Amino acid sequence: MAKTKLEDIFASKTQAKIIEFFVNNSRKEFYQSELKNLLKESLGSLQYELARLKRIGFLKVRRTKTRTYYKLNPDYFLIREIRSIVRKIANQKR
């Protein structure tokens, strides 16, 4: 059986990276340029996917005068299932 990757399940590779990142760093908030550097993604694709994930309620957003911060929404209705998927994919890589 072929190994499944998160990008096979989610809409894009960038979205899969963001979801995995926030599931694994669920207690911290991050600003856009920080995420861009950590995930090594272009700002445009990152902004697009962050907006999508915010729109569906997966991410919470906090704005200051100069930055927009993103954090995993622990109350997102599918968070347990998504955490389970991320964990299973990670275990499969081992």
N, C-alpha and C. Protein backbone atom coordinates (compact mmCIF):
# COMPACT_ATOMS: atom_id res chain seq x y z
N MET A 1 0.83 -1.18 0.00
CA MET A 1 0.00 0.00 0.00
C MET A 1 0.88 1.25 0.00
N ALA A 2 0.57 2.21 -0.86
CA ALA A 2 1.35 3.44 -0.95
C ALA A 2 1.12 4.30 0.28
N LYS A 3 2.16 5.02 0.67
CA LYS A 3 2.04 5.91 1.82
C LYS A 3 1.20 7.12 1.46
N THR A 4 0.35 7.51 2.36
CA THR A 4 -0.49 8.68 2.17
C THR A 4 0.22 9.90 2.75
N LYS A 5 0.13 11.01 2.04
CA LYS A 5 0.68 12.27 2.51
C LYS A 5 -0.46 13.21 2.83
N LEU A 6 -0.19 14.17 3.71
CA LEU A 6 -1.24 15.13 4.05
C LEU A 6 -1.73 15.88 2.83
N GLU A 7 -0.81 16.21 1.91
CA GLU A 7 -1.23 16.95 0.72
C GLU A 7 -2.12 16.12 -0.19
N ASP A 8 -2.15 14.80 0.01
CA ASP A 8 -3.09 13.95 -0.73
C ASP A 8 -4.51 14.11 -0.18
N ILE A 9 -4.63 14.49 1.08
CA ILE A 9 -5.93 14.60 1.75
C ILE A 9 -6.46 16.02 1.69
N PHE A 10 -5.59 17.00 1.91
CA PHE A 10 -6.02 18.38 1.97
C PHE A 10 -5.91 19.05 0.60
N ALA A 11 -6.44 20.26 0.48
CA ALA A 11 -6.60 20.95 -0.80
C ALA A 11 -5.28 21.24 -1.50
N SER A 12 -4.22 21.48 -0.75
CA SER A 12 -2.93 21.82 -1.37
C SER A 12 -1.80 21.44 -0.43
N LYS A 13 -0.62 21.40 -0.99
CA LYS A 13 0.57 21.09 -0.19
C LYS A 13 0.78 22.18 0.87
N THR A 14 0.57 23.43 0.47
CA THR A 14 0.73 24.54 1.42
C THR A 14 -0.28 24.42 2.55
N GLN A 15 -1.52 24.13 2.23
CA GLN A 15 -2.55 23.96 3.26
C GLN A 15 -2.18 22.82 4.20
N ALA A 16 -1.70 21.71 3.65
CA ALA A 16 -1.31 20.57 4.47
C ALA A 16 -0.18 20.95 5.42
N LYS A 17 0.80 21.71 4.92
CA LYS A 17 1.91 22.14 5.78
C LYS A 17 1.42 23.04 6.91
N ILE A 18 0.52 23.95 6.59
CA ILE A 18 -0.01 24.87 7.60
C ILE A 18 -0.80 24.10 8.66
N ILE A 19 -1.65 23.19 8.23
CA ILE A 19 -2.45 22.40 9.17
C ILE A 19 -1.56 21.57 10.07
N GLU A 20 -0.61 20.89 9.49
CA GLU A 20 0.31 20.07 10.29
C GLU A 20 1.09 20.95 11.28
N PHE A 21 1.56 22.10 10.81
CA PHE A 21 2.32 23.00 11.65
C PHE A 21 1.50 23.46 12.85
N PHE A 22 0.27 23.90 12.61
CA PHE A 22 -0.55 24.40 13.71
C PHE A 22 -1.01 23.29 14.65
N VAL A 23 -1.25 22.11 14.14
CA VAL A 23 -1.60 20.99 15.01
C VAL A 23 -0.42 20.66 15.93
N ASN A 24 0.78 20.73 15.39
CA ASN A 24 1.97 20.42 16.19
C ASN A 24 2.44 21.59 17.06
N ASN A 25 1.91 22.77 16.83
CA ASN A 25 2.26 23.97 17.61
C ASN A 25 0.98 24.68 18.05
N SER A 26 0.10 23.93 18.65
CA SER A 26 -1.26 24.40 18.89
C SER A 26 -1.40 25.47 19.97
N ARG A 27 -0.41 25.66 20.79
CA ARG A 27 -0.54 26.61 21.91
C ARG A 27 0.07 27.96 21.62
N LYS A 28 0.72 28.08 20.48
CA LYS A 28 1.44 29.31 20.16
C LYS A 28 0.78 30.04 19.01
N GLU A 29 0.95 31.35 18.95
CA GLU A 29 0.47 32.09 17.80
C GLU A 29 1.67 32.58 16.98
N PHE A 30 1.45 32.76 15.70
CA PHE A 30 2.51 33.11 14.77
C PHE A 30 2.03 34.21 13.84
N TYR A 31 2.93 35.09 13.44
CA TYR A 31 2.57 36.11 12.47
C TYR A 31 3.01 35.68 11.07
N GLN A 32 2.48 36.36 10.06
CA GLN A 32 2.65 35.90 8.68
C GLN A 32 4.10 35.71 8.24
N SER A 33 4.93 36.71 8.44
CA SER A 33 6.31 36.56 7.95
C SER A 33 7.06 35.48 8.72
N GLU A 34 6.71 35.28 9.97
CA GLU A 34 7.29 34.20 10.76
C GLU A 34 6.89 32.85 10.15
N LEU A 35 5.61 32.70 9.81
CA LEU A 35 5.13 31.46 9.17
C LEU A 35 5.79 31.26 7.81
N LYS A 36 5.94 32.34 7.06
CA LYS A 36 6.59 32.26 5.75
C LYS A 36 7.99 31.68 5.87
N ASN A 37 8.74 32.15 6.85
CA ASN A 37 10.11 31.66 7.07
C ASN A 37 10.14 30.23 7.61
N LEU A 38 9.27 29.93 8.54
CA LEU A 38 9.24 28.60 9.15
C LEU A 38 8.78 27.52 8.15
N LEU A 39 7.80 27.86 7.33
CA LEU A 39 7.22 26.88 6.40
C LEU A 39 7.86 26.93 5.02
N LYS A 40 8.68 27.96 4.78
CA LYS A 40 9.36 28.12 3.49
C LYS A 40 8.36 28.12 2.32
N GLU A 41 7.34 28.96 2.47
CA GLU A 41 6.30 29.11 1.45
C GLU A 41 6.28 30.56 0.99
N SER A 42 5.79 30.78 -0.22
CA SER A 42 5.66 32.15 -0.71
C SER A 42 4.57 32.86 0.08
N LEU A 43 4.73 34.16 0.22
CA LEU A 43 3.76 34.93 1.00
C LEU A 43 2.37 34.86 0.38
N GLY A 44 2.27 34.90 -0.94
CA GLY A 44 0.98 34.85 -1.61
C GLY A 44 0.21 33.57 -1.32
N SER A 45 0.86 32.43 -1.50
CA SER A 45 0.16 31.16 -1.25
C SER A 45 -0.14 30.98 0.23
N LEU A 46 0.75 31.46 1.08
CA LEU A 46 0.53 31.39 2.52
C LEU A 46 -0.68 32.22 2.92
N GLN A 47 -0.76 33.46 2.43
CA GLN A 47 -1.89 34.33 2.75
C GLN A 47 -3.20 33.72 2.27
N TYR A 48 -3.19 33.15 1.08
CA TYR A 48 -4.40 32.54 0.52
C TYR A 48 -4.89 31.41 1.42
N GLU A 49 -4.00 30.52 1.81
CA GLU A 49 -4.39 29.37 2.63
C GLU A 49 -4.75 29.79 4.05
N LEU A 50 -4.04 30.76 4.61
CA LEU A 50 -4.40 31.25 5.94
C LEU A 50 -5.80 31.85 5.93
N ALA A 51 -6.14 32.59 4.88
CA ALA A 51 -7.48 33.17 4.77
C ALA A 51 -8.54 32.07 4.68
N ARG A 52 -8.26 31.02 3.90
CA ARG A 52 -9.21 29.90 3.80
C ARG A 52 -9.41 29.22 5.14
N LEU A 53 -8.30 28.96 5.85
CA LEU A 53 -8.38 28.27 7.13
C LEU A 53 -9.04 29.15 8.21
N LYS A 54 -8.85 30.44 8.11
CA LYS A 54 -9.54 31.37 9.01
C LYS A 54 -11.04 31.37 8.71
N ARG A 55 -11.39 31.40 7.43
CA ARG A 55 -12.79 31.46 7.02
C ARG A 55 -13.58 30.24 7.51
N ILE A 56 -12.96 29.07 7.51
CA ILE A 56 -13.68 27.87 7.96
C ILE A 56 -13.62 27.68 9.48
N GLY A 57 -12.84 28.54 10.17
CA GLY A 57 -12.79 28.47 11.63
C GLY A 57 -11.67 27.64 12.19
N PHE A 58 -10.78 27.11 11.34
CA PHE A 58 -9.65 26.31 11.82
C PHE A 58 -8.64 27.17 12.58
N LEU A 59 -8.48 28.42 12.14
CA LEU A 59 -7.54 29.34 12.77
C LEU A 59 -8.27 30.51 13.40
N LYS A 60 -7.70 30.99 14.50
CA LYS A 60 -8.14 32.23 15.12
C LYS A 60 -7.15 33.31 14.70
N VAL A 61 -7.63 34.53 14.59
CA VAL A 61 -6.77 35.64 14.15
C VAL A 61 -6.83 36.76 15.18
N ARG A 62 -5.65 37.34 15.42
CA ARG A 62 -5.54 38.50 16.31
C ARG A 62 -4.69 39.54 15.58
N ARG A 63 -5.20 40.75 15.50
CA ARG A 63 -4.48 41.82 14.80
C ARG A 63 -3.95 42.86 15.78
N THR A 64 -2.75 43.32 15.50
CA THR A 64 -2.20 44.48 16.21
C THR A 64 -2.03 45.57 15.15
N LYS A 65 -1.42 46.66 15.52
CA LYS A 65 -1.22 47.74 14.54
C LYS A 65 -0.33 47.30 13.39
N THR A 66 0.62 46.44 13.66
CA THR A 66 1.60 46.09 12.63
C THR A 66 1.58 44.62 12.18
N ARG A 67 0.92 43.76 12.92
CA ARG A 67 0.97 42.32 12.59
C ARG A 67 -0.38 41.65 12.73
N THR A 68 -0.51 40.57 11.99
CA THR A 68 -1.67 39.69 12.12
C THR A 68 -1.16 38.36 12.63
N TYR A 69 -1.68 37.90 13.75
CA TYR A 69 -1.26 36.66 14.37
C TYR A 69 -2.30 35.57 14.13
N TYR A 70 -1.81 34.35 13.92
CA TYR A 70 -2.67 33.20 13.69
C TYR A 70 -2.40 32.15 14.75
N LYS A 71 -3.48 31.50 15.17
CA LYS A 71 -3.38 30.45 16.18
C LYS A 71 -4.44 29.40 15.88
N LEU A 72 -4.14 28.15 16.18
CA LEU A 72 -5.11 27.08 16.02
C LEU A 72 -6.33 27.34 16.89
N ASN A 73 -7.50 27.13 16.33
CA ASN A 73 -8.74 27.27 17.09
C ASN A 73 -9.03 25.91 17.75
N PRO A 74 -8.82 25.79 19.06
CA PRO A 74 -9.02 24.50 19.72
C PRO A 74 -10.48 24.06 19.73
N ASP A 75 -11.39 24.98 19.44
CA ASP A 75 -12.81 24.66 19.42
C ASP A 75 -13.33 24.32 18.02
N TYR A 76 -12.44 24.26 17.04
CA TYR A 76 -12.87 23.93 15.68
C TYR A 76 -13.54 22.55 15.70
N PHE A 77 -14.66 22.41 15.05
CA PHE A 77 -15.49 21.21 15.20
C PHE A 77 -14.83 19.92 14.70
N LEU A 78 -13.83 20.01 13.85
CA LEU A 78 -13.15 18.81 13.34
C LEU A 78 -11.74 18.64 13.90
N ILE A 79 -11.40 19.40 14.93
CA ILE A 79 -10.00 19.40 15.39
C ILE A 79 -9.53 18.02 15.86
N ARG A 80 -10.36 17.26 16.53
CA ARG A 80 -9.93 15.92 16.98
C ARG A 80 -9.62 15.03 15.79
N GLU A 81 -10.47 15.08 14.77
CA GLU A 81 -10.27 14.25 13.58
C GLU A 81 -9.02 14.68 12.83
N ILE A 82 -8.80 15.98 12.71
CA ILE A 82 -7.61 16.48 12.00
C ILE A 82 -6.36 16.10 12.77
N ARG A 83 -6.38 16.25 14.09
CA ARG A 83 -5.21 15.84 14.90
C ARG A 83 -4.93 14.35 14.70
N SER A 84 -5.96 13.55 14.65
CA SER A 84 -5.81 12.12 14.45
C SER A 84 -5.18 11.82 13.08
N ILE A 85 -5.64 12.50 12.06
CA ILE A 85 -5.08 12.30 10.72
C ILE A 85 -3.61 12.70 10.68
N VAL A 86 -3.29 13.86 11.25
CA VAL A 86 -1.90 14.33 11.28
C VAL A 86 -1.02 13.33 12.01
N ARG A 87 -1.49 12.82 13.15
CA ARG A 87 -0.74 11.83 13.94
C ARG A 87 -0.51 10.54 13.15
N LYS A 88 -1.56 10.07 12.49
CA LYS A 88 -1.45 8.82 11.72
C LYS A 88 -0.48 8.96 10.57
N ILE A 89 -0.51 10.10 9.89
CA ILE A 89 0.43 10.35 8.78
C ILE A 89 1.85 10.40 9.31
N ALA A 90 2.04 11.08 10.45
CA ALA A 90 3.38 11.17 11.04
C ALA A 90 3.90 9.79 11.45
N ASN A 91 3.05 8.97 12.02
CA ASN A 91 3.45 7.61 12.42
C ASN A 91 3.77 6.74 11.22
N GLN A 92 3.11 6.98 10.13
CA GLN A 92 3.34 6.23 8.90
C GLN A 92 4.74 6.52 8.33
N LYS A 93 5.24 7.75 8.57
CA LYS A 93 6.55 8.15 8.05
C LYS A 93 7.68 7.43 8.77
N ARG A 94 7.41 6.93 9.97
CA ARG A 94 8.47 6.29 10.79
C ARG A 94 8.79 4.91 10.32
